[in-house]
Every structure is written in structure tokens, then in C-alpha cells.
């Protein structure tokens, strides 16, 4: 009864005037701003697996029920409309500009900043309530128009669905999968196997395998600048050659990078710095990108039609 009352109320509100969508969207974003000012950044770690999967299932189910049972409501039409697509994409681009133009810091460093930009979460914007609100609006719009396309589009169904589902999957996995992503840095010394690594805030973590440095080498340009450096290491029971800018895929969704060494000693460096990145959602992102690529290929083969437009 409560859900039915909620949807009927939304219908009455959004049916008044479709030109009011900008006012409603502004109110929605201002609510996110208020949450940001009063509570700080959203605790993304709360949505770690399996809660992110459960959240996605419930969210998509609600969108499906909205479309099936309240198809003609103003709120459903708002989520399906091309104007909402343009508005949400514009807001998302604005959020990406904030991320690109301002330094993005660790949680600890961002909390130490002062000023209105710090209060709005601009120095760790991807976990701010504002950016999450924008992303939810964009993903809800993508989800709703994909459901609509599956129900109604015939000629362009699969290329449209591949493009939009792929984009939805890539965005969802990239953000909501970030709660399961872990980036660790660890110094390793010759002859001293270790499991200890540190996150971006300096907190220690322990791997379930040892890493040991066997040897290290640097090559130089004629001007004395390093052109290449590499390390022979042991990852658990597996030997590997790590090179700068060439991550080593140790396990599914877990990559090891060589990032630094003692530059004052060069080839005689007794240690090097590794970065271990655990990203279990990486292949979901890749799947989303491949789906968009497949949709683009179908679009290229068959040509663009008016039914390929967003919304």
C-alpha cells in the first residue's frame, strides 16, 4: 500500500507540468548537497559485495514495476524522456569535470581540506552524495529506456539494448564495484619475503601470499634518465617479471604493478615499490564496454535510424 501511495503521489506531482522537471531535478540535487554538508561523503564501503548486487536487483525490479504498472504516470515518463537523458548526461559531464579539474585525494587528505569545495566533497567527488545522486539519475534513466526499448523496439532492439545495457553495466560496475576495489602499496626488500601492504590511508593489510624480491635492474637513456626498470619477484609459489607500465595479472581481478625503486642506487637498489590492485568488477566493466562496441558495430552495419536516439 505504501509503495502504491508513493507512486500515485509521484504521478500527481510530475503530471502537473512537464516543464517542472528541471525544478524537481534541482530539488533532488539540492537534497544531495544537504546530505553532503551534514553527513560528509557517502560510505561507499557499505555497498560492498553482496550488498551492491542486492541493491542493483531491487533497484532494477522497482524500475520494472514502475514501467509495467505505472507506465503512464508522470514520474515514469520523466525517467523515460529524452529531456531527462540530456539533463542527466549534462550533470554527469559536469561531475566528471569536477573530478578531472580538481585534485582527487584520499579520504584522510580530503577531510583535512577546508573551504566550500571541501564541504561539497569536491576533493573526493566520486564518493560525494552529489555525484552519487547524479549517477543514480543517469542509471535510472538508462535502465528505464532500456526496459522501454525491450518492450517496444523491433528493428533497432538489439543494437539499442547492447549500447544502453553496456553503458549501464560499465557505469554501475565502475562505481558500485569500487567498494570491492582495493589498492595496496608495498615495499619489498631483497631476501625479505613479506605479506604486509598499506592502503592509500596508510592502514596495514596482509596478503594471503608472500611476495619476495629476487633481483632488480634498470636501463638508462644516454642522458642518464631511466628508460626501463624491472624486477624478478616471487608471488606466492609463482615467479614473475615485473616491468614498469606492464601490470602482471596474478589472479582473476588482481594485478601487480612495479611503481618505484631507490633511484639513488639504481641497479644496486635493495628494494622496490609494488602496487597490488584487487578489482573483482573489472571484467564486468570490460563486458559492458564490449556490449557497447557490439552495438556500435551493428549501428555501423545497419546505419543510424531515428529509433536509435536515446530515450
Protein backbone atom coordinates (compact mmCIF):
# COMPACT_ATOMS: atom_id res chain seq x y z
CA UNK A 1 0.00 0.00 0.00
CA UNK A 2 2.82 2.39 0.85
CA UNK A 3 4.58 1.78 -2.48
CA UNK A 4 1.33 2.30 -4.37
CA UNK A 5 0.66 5.54 -2.46
CA UNK A 6 4.23 6.70 -3.17
CA UNK A 7 3.96 6.09 -6.93
CA UNK A 8 0.49 7.72 -7.13
CA UNK A 9 1.83 10.76 -5.29
CA UNK A 10 4.77 10.98 -7.73
CA UNK A 11 2.32 10.74 -10.61
CA UNK A 12 0.25 13.65 -9.30
CA UNK A 13 3.35 15.77 -8.77
CA UNK A 14 5.01 15.13 -12.13
CA UNK A 15 1.79 15.33 -14.15
CA UNK A 16 1.29 18.99 -13.23
CA UNK A 17 3.74 20.34 -15.70
CA UNK A 18 6.49 18.51 -17.55
CA UNK A 19 8.49 21.75 -17.73
CA UNK A 20 8.83 21.45 -13.95
CA UNK A 21 11.26 18.53 -14.37
CA UNK A 22 14.17 20.95 -14.03
CA UNK A 23 12.79 22.24 -10.73
CA UNK A 24 12.33 18.70 -9.42
CA UNK A 25 15.83 17.74 -10.56
CA UNK A 26 17.24 20.84 -8.88
CA UNK A 27 15.44 19.89 -5.68
CA UNK A 28 16.84 16.37 -5.96
CA UNK A 29 20.41 17.65 -6.37
CA UNK A 30 19.96 20.18 -3.55
CA UNK A 31 18.85 17.31 -1.30
CA UNK A 32 22.12 15.57 -2.15
CA UNK A 33 24.01 18.78 -1.37
CA UNK A 34 22.30 18.94 2.02
CA UNK A 35 23.25 15.32 2.74
CA UNK A 36 26.83 16.10 1.76
CA UNK A 37 27.01 19.15 4.04
CA UNK A 38 25.50 17.39 7.06
CA UNK A 39 26.96 13.88 6.77
CA UNK A 40 30.06 14.14 4.59
CA UNK A 41 30.88 11.71 1.81
CA UNK A 42 28.80 8.59 1.25
CA UNK A 43 30.33 5.48 2.89
CA UNK A 44 30.86 3.55 -0.33
CA UNK A 45 32.40 0.63 1.55
CA UNK A 46 28.91 -0.02 2.93
CA UNK A 47 27.86 -1.25 -0.54
CA UNK A 48 30.49 -3.95 -0.76
CA UNK A 49 29.60 -7.38 -2.13
CA UNK A 50 26.95 -8.77 -1.83
CA UNK A 51 25.02 -5.61 -0.88
CA UNK A 52 25.81 -3.95 -4.23
CA UNK A 53 24.29 -6.93 -6.08
CA UNK A 54 21.20 -6.88 -3.85
CA UNK A 55 20.85 -3.13 -4.31
CA UNK A 56 21.07 -3.47 -8.12
CA UNK A 57 18.45 -6.26 -8.16
CA UNK A 58 15.99 -4.28 -6.02
CA UNK A 59 16.62 -1.09 -7.99
CA UNK A 60 16.01 -2.74 -11.38
CA UNK A 61 12.94 -4.52 -10.03
CA UNK A 62 11.47 -1.19 -8.90
CA UNK A 63 12.16 0.31 -12.34
CA UNK A 64 10.46 -2.67 -13.98
CA UNK A 65 7.40 -2.40 -11.72
CA UNK A 66 7.24 1.33 -12.40
CA UNK A 67 7.23 0.68 -16.13
CA UNK A 68 4.77 -2.22 -16.09
CA UNK A 69 2.26 -0.90 -13.55
CA UNK A 70 2.66 2.89 -13.81
CA UNK A 71 3.69 3.29 -17.45
CA UNK A 72 1.54 6.40 -17.98
CA UNK A 73 2.50 8.15 -14.76
CA UNK A 74 4.31 11.42 -14.99
CA UNK A 75 7.23 10.06 -12.98
CA UNK A 76 7.75 7.11 -15.35
CA UNK A 77 7.51 9.39 -18.38
CA UNK A 78 10.04 11.68 -16.69
CA UNK A 79 12.52 8.81 -16.31
CA UNK A 80 11.93 7.69 -19.93
CA UNK A 81 12.10 11.11 -21.55
CA UNK A 82 14.93 12.28 -23.86
CA UNK A 83 14.98 15.56 -21.90
CA UNK A 84 15.89 13.63 -18.74
CA UNK A 85 18.59 11.80 -20.71
CA UNK A 86 20.10 15.11 -21.84
CA UNK A 87 19.80 16.59 -18.35
CA UNK A 88 21.38 13.62 -16.58
CA UNK A 89 24.19 13.36 -19.14
CA UNK A 90 24.90 17.07 -18.74
CA UNK A 91 25.05 16.71 -14.95
CA UNK A 92 27.29 13.65 -15.28
CA UNK A 93 29.69 15.53 -17.58
CA UNK A 94 29.76 18.36 -15.05
CA UNK A 95 30.63 15.89 -12.30
CA UNK A 96 33.40 14.39 -14.44
CA UNK A 97 34.82 17.87 -14.99
CA UNK A 98 34.98 18.38 -11.22
CA UNK A 99 36.86 15.08 -10.90
CA UNK A 100 39.21 15.99 -13.76
CA UNK A 101 39.93 19.62 -12.81
CA UNK A 102 40.31 19.27 -9.02
CA UNK A 103 42.80 17.00 -7.25
CA UNK A 104 41.16 13.81 -6.04
CA UNK A 105 42.60 12.87 -2.66
CA UNK A 106 42.38 10.01 -0.19
CA UNK A 107 39.67 10.13 2.45
CA UNK A 108 42.08 11.40 5.09
CA UNK A 109 43.64 14.08 2.89
CA UNK A 110 40.24 15.25 1.61
CA UNK A 111 38.91 15.60 5.16
CA UNK A 112 41.88 17.82 6.03
CA UNK A 113 40.94 20.34 3.32
CA UNK A 114 38.91 23.44 4.18
CA UNK A 115 36.53 25.68 2.25
CA UNK A 116 33.27 25.29 0.37
CA UNK A 117 34.77 22.90 -2.20
CA UNK A 118 35.90 20.61 0.58
CA UNK A 119 32.46 20.75 2.23
CA UNK A 120 30.85 19.76 -1.08
CA UNK A 121 33.19 16.76 -1.34
CA UNK A 122 34.93 18.06 -4.46
CA UNK A 123 38.32 16.62 -3.45
CA UNK A 124 36.89 13.09 -3.30
CA UNK A 125 33.96 13.73 -5.59
CA UNK A 126 33.23 10.18 -6.74
CA UNK A 127 32.04 9.27 -3.25
CA UNK A 128 30.14 12.51 -2.64
CA UNK A 129 26.36 12.44 -2.26
CA UNK A 130 26.14 14.89 -5.19
CA UNK A 131 27.93 12.65 -7.68
CA UNK A 132 26.08 9.56 -6.46
CA UNK A 133 22.74 11.37 -6.93
CA UNK A 134 23.74 12.33 -10.49
CA UNK A 135 24.84 8.77 -11.26
CA UNK A 136 21.62 7.30 -9.86
CA UNK A 137 19.56 9.64 -12.04
CA UNK A 138 21.56 8.73 -15.15
CA UNK A 139 21.45 4.98 -14.45
CA UNK A 140 17.72 5.10 -13.66
CA UNK A 141 17.12 6.86 -16.97
CA UNK A 142 19.28 4.32 -18.83
CA UNK A 143 17.53 1.42 -17.11
CA UNK A 144 14.05 2.74 -17.85
CA UNK A 145 14.64 3.48 -21.54
CA UNK A 146 16.30 0.05 -21.97
CA UNK A 147 13.19 -1.62 -20.50
CA UNK A 148 11.06 0.51 -22.82
CA UNK A 149 13.21 -0.48 -25.82
CA UNK A 150 12.95 -4.17 -24.98
CA UNK A 151 9.17 -3.90 -24.85
CA UNK A 152 8.60 -1.77 -27.95
CA UNK A 153 11.56 -1.52 -30.32
CA UNK A 154 11.71 -4.15 -33.05
CA UNK A 155 14.11 -3.07 -35.78
CA UNK A 156 16.74 -1.49 -33.55
CA UNK A 157 16.10 -3.57 -30.44
CA UNK A 158 19.38 -5.40 -30.07
CA UNK A 159 21.80 -2.68 -31.07
CA UNK A 160 19.94 -0.19 -28.87
CA UNK A 161 19.84 -2.60 -25.93
CA UNK A 162 23.50 -3.56 -26.35
CA UNK A 163 24.57 0.10 -26.34
CA UNK A 164 22.48 1.15 -23.37
CA UNK A 165 22.81 -2.01 -21.28
CA UNK A 166 26.55 -1.97 -21.86
CA UNK A 167 26.78 1.64 -20.73
CA UNK A 168 24.63 0.88 -17.67
CA UNK A 169 26.78 -2.12 -16.75
CA UNK A 170 30.07 -0.26 -17.22
CA UNK A 171 28.93 2.71 -15.11
CA UNK A 172 27.40 0.54 -12.39
CA UNK A 173 30.39 -1.80 -12.14
CA UNK A 174 32.83 1.11 -12.28
CA UNK A 175 31.23 2.92 -9.36
CA UNK A 176 29.33 0.45 -7.20
CA UNK A 177 32.04 -2.13 -7.79
CA UNK A 178 34.61 0.34 -6.43
CA UNK A 179 33.60 -0.64 -2.89
CA UNK A 180 35.17 -4.05 -3.61
CA UNK A 181 38.27 -2.50 -5.21
CA UNK A 182 41.41 -2.40 -3.10
CA UNK A 183 44.66 -0.61 -3.98
CA UNK A 184 47.64 -1.51 -1.83
CA UNK A 185 51.25 -0.35 -1.91
CA UNK A 186 54.10 -2.38 -0.51
CA UNK A 187 57.89 -2.03 -0.32
CA UNK A 188 59.72 -5.32 -0.85
CA UNK A 189 63.37 -5.90 0.03
CA UNK A 190 65.83 -8.44 -1.33
CA UNK A 191 65.82 -11.61 0.72
CA UNK A 192 62.90 -10.47 2.90
CA UNK A 193 59.57 -12.03 1.84
CA UNK A 194 56.59 -10.09 3.11
CA UNK A 195 52.79 -10.09 3.16
CA UNK A 196 52.34 -6.59 4.61
CA UNK A 197 50.93 -3.87 2.37
CA UNK A 198 49.35 -0.48 3.01
CA UNK A 199 46.24 1.19 1.64
CA UNK A 200 46.05 4.82 0.48
CA UNK A 201 45.37 5.96 4.06
CA UNK A 202 48.41 4.13 5.42
CA UNK A 203 46.50 1.36 7.16
CA UNK A 204 48.25 -2.03 7.05
CA UNK A 205 46.76 -5.03 5.27
CA UNK A 206 48.10 -8.55 4.93
CA UNK A 207 48.01 -10.54 1.70
CA UNK A 208 47.22 -14.24 1.65
CA UNK A 209 50.52 -14.89 -0.13
CA UNK A 210 54.13 -13.76 0.22
CA UNK A 211 55.98 -11.51 -2.19
CA UNK A 212 59.77 -11.62 -2.39
CA UNK A 213 62.27 -9.62 -4.47
CA UNK A 214 64.89 -11.79 -6.20
CA UNK A 215 66.65 -9.24 -8.43
CA UNK A 216 66.28 -5.76 -9.86
CA UNK A 217 67.68 -3.96 -12.92
CA UNK A 218 67.50 -0.50 -14.50
CA UNK A 219 68.29 0.57 -18.07
CA UNK A 220 69.15 4.17 -18.93
CA UNK A 221 68.92 6.59 -21.83
CA UNK A 222 72.19 8.25 -22.98
CA UNK A 223 71.21 11.35 -20.97
CA UNK A 224 71.12 9.30 -17.77
CA UNK A 225 67.36 9.11 -17.35
CA UNK A 226 65.91 5.63 -16.66
CA UNK A 227 64.31 4.07 -19.76
CA UNK A 228 63.19 0.81 -18.20
CA UNK A 229 63.29 -0.91 -14.85
CA UNK A 230 62.23 -4.42 -13.97
CA UNK A 231 62.17 -6.78 -11.02
CA UNK A 232 62.20 -10.55 -10.74
CA UNK A 233 59.86 -11.41 -7.90
CA UNK A 234 58.15 -14.38 -6.34
CA UNK A 235 54.38 -14.11 -5.88
CA UNK A 236 53.41 -16.98 -3.62
CA UNK A 237 54.84 -20.02 -5.42
CA UNK A 238 54.91 -18.25 -8.77
CA UNK A 239 57.89 -16.42 -10.26
CA UNK A 240 57.20 -13.29 -12.32
CA UNK A 241 59.00 -10.49 -14.13
CA UNK A 242 57.50 -7.10 -13.28
CA UNK A 243 58.18 -4.14 -15.56
CA UNK A 244 57.10 -0.55 -15.19
CA UNK A 245 53.82 0.18 -17.03
CA UNK A 246 53.25 -3.56 -17.54
CA UNK A 247 50.93 -4.94 -14.84
CA UNK A 248 51.19 -8.61 -14.03
CA UNK A 249 47.86 -10.45 -13.76
CA UNK A 250 48.48 -12.67 -10.75
CA UNK A 251 44.88 -13.81 -10.24
CA UNK A 252 41.49 -13.05 -11.74
CA UNK A 253 40.82 -9.39 -10.98
CA UNK A 254 44.15 -8.93 -9.16
CA UNK A 255 47.07 -7.15 -10.83
CA UNK A 256 50.56 -6.34 -9.53
CA UNK A 257 52.41 -3.21 -10.70
CA UNK A 258 56.04 -2.17 -10.31
CA UNK A 259 55.93 1.54 -9.41
CA UNK A 260 59.27 2.58 -7.89
CA UNK A 261 62.73 1.80 -6.51
CA UNK A 262 65.66 3.50 -4.79
CA UNK A 263 66.64 5.97 -7.53
CA UNK A 264 69.80 6.98 -5.65
CA UNK A 265 71.24 3.47 -6.01
CA UNK A 266 69.87 2.44 -9.41
CA UNK A 267 70.83 -1.17 -10.18
CA UNK A 268 72.06 -1.58 -6.61
CA UNK A 269 68.62 -0.76 -5.19
CA UNK A 270 67.85 -3.02 -2.26
CA UNK A 271 64.10 -2.57 -2.58
CA UNK A 272 61.32 -1.68 -4.98
CA UNK A 273 57.75 -0.47 -4.57
CA UNK A 274 54.85 -2.60 -5.78
CA UNK A 275 51.17 -1.78 -6.11
CA UNK A 276 48.61 -4.55 -5.77
CA UNK A 277 45.21 -3.72 -7.26
CA UNK A 278 42.27 -6.00 -6.49
CA UNK A 279 39.40 -5.14 -8.84
CA UNK A 280 36.89 -8.02 -8.99
CA UNK A 281 34.45 -5.96 -11.09
CA UNK A 282 37.00 -5.27 -13.81
CA UNK A 283 35.60 -7.89 -16.15
CA UNK A 284 32.05 -6.62 -15.69
CA UNK A 285 33.32 -3.22 -16.88
CA UNK A 286 35.03 -4.91 -19.84
CA UNK A 287 31.80 -6.79 -20.63
CA UNK A 288 29.89 -3.50 -20.66
CA UNK A 289 32.42 -1.93 -23.00
CA UNK A 290 32.30 -4.95 -25.33
CA UNK A 291 28.50 -4.73 -25.40
CA UNK A 292 28.71 -1.07 -26.41
CA UNK A 293 31.26 -1.99 -29.07
CA UNK A 294 28.96 -4.71 -30.44
CA UNK A 295 26.08 -2.23 -30.50
CA UNK A 296 28.24 0.30 -32.32
CA UNK A 297 29.22 -2.32 -34.91
CA UNK A 298 25.56 -3.18 -35.53
CA UNK A 299 24.78 0.52 -35.80
CA UNK A 300 27.59 0.95 -38.35
CA UNK A 301 26.45 -2.06 -40.39
CA UNK A 302 22.76 -1.16 -40.45
CA UNK A 303 23.08 2.62 -40.42
CA UNK A 304 21.62 5.14 -37.99
CA UNK A 305 17.84 5.44 -37.80
CA UNK A 306 15.56 7.73 -35.88
CA UNK A 307 14.77 4.92 -33.44
CA UNK A 308 18.43 4.79 -32.35
CA UNK A 309 18.09 8.07 -30.47
CA UNK A 310 18.40 8.00 -26.70
CA UNK A 311 15.05 7.82 -24.94
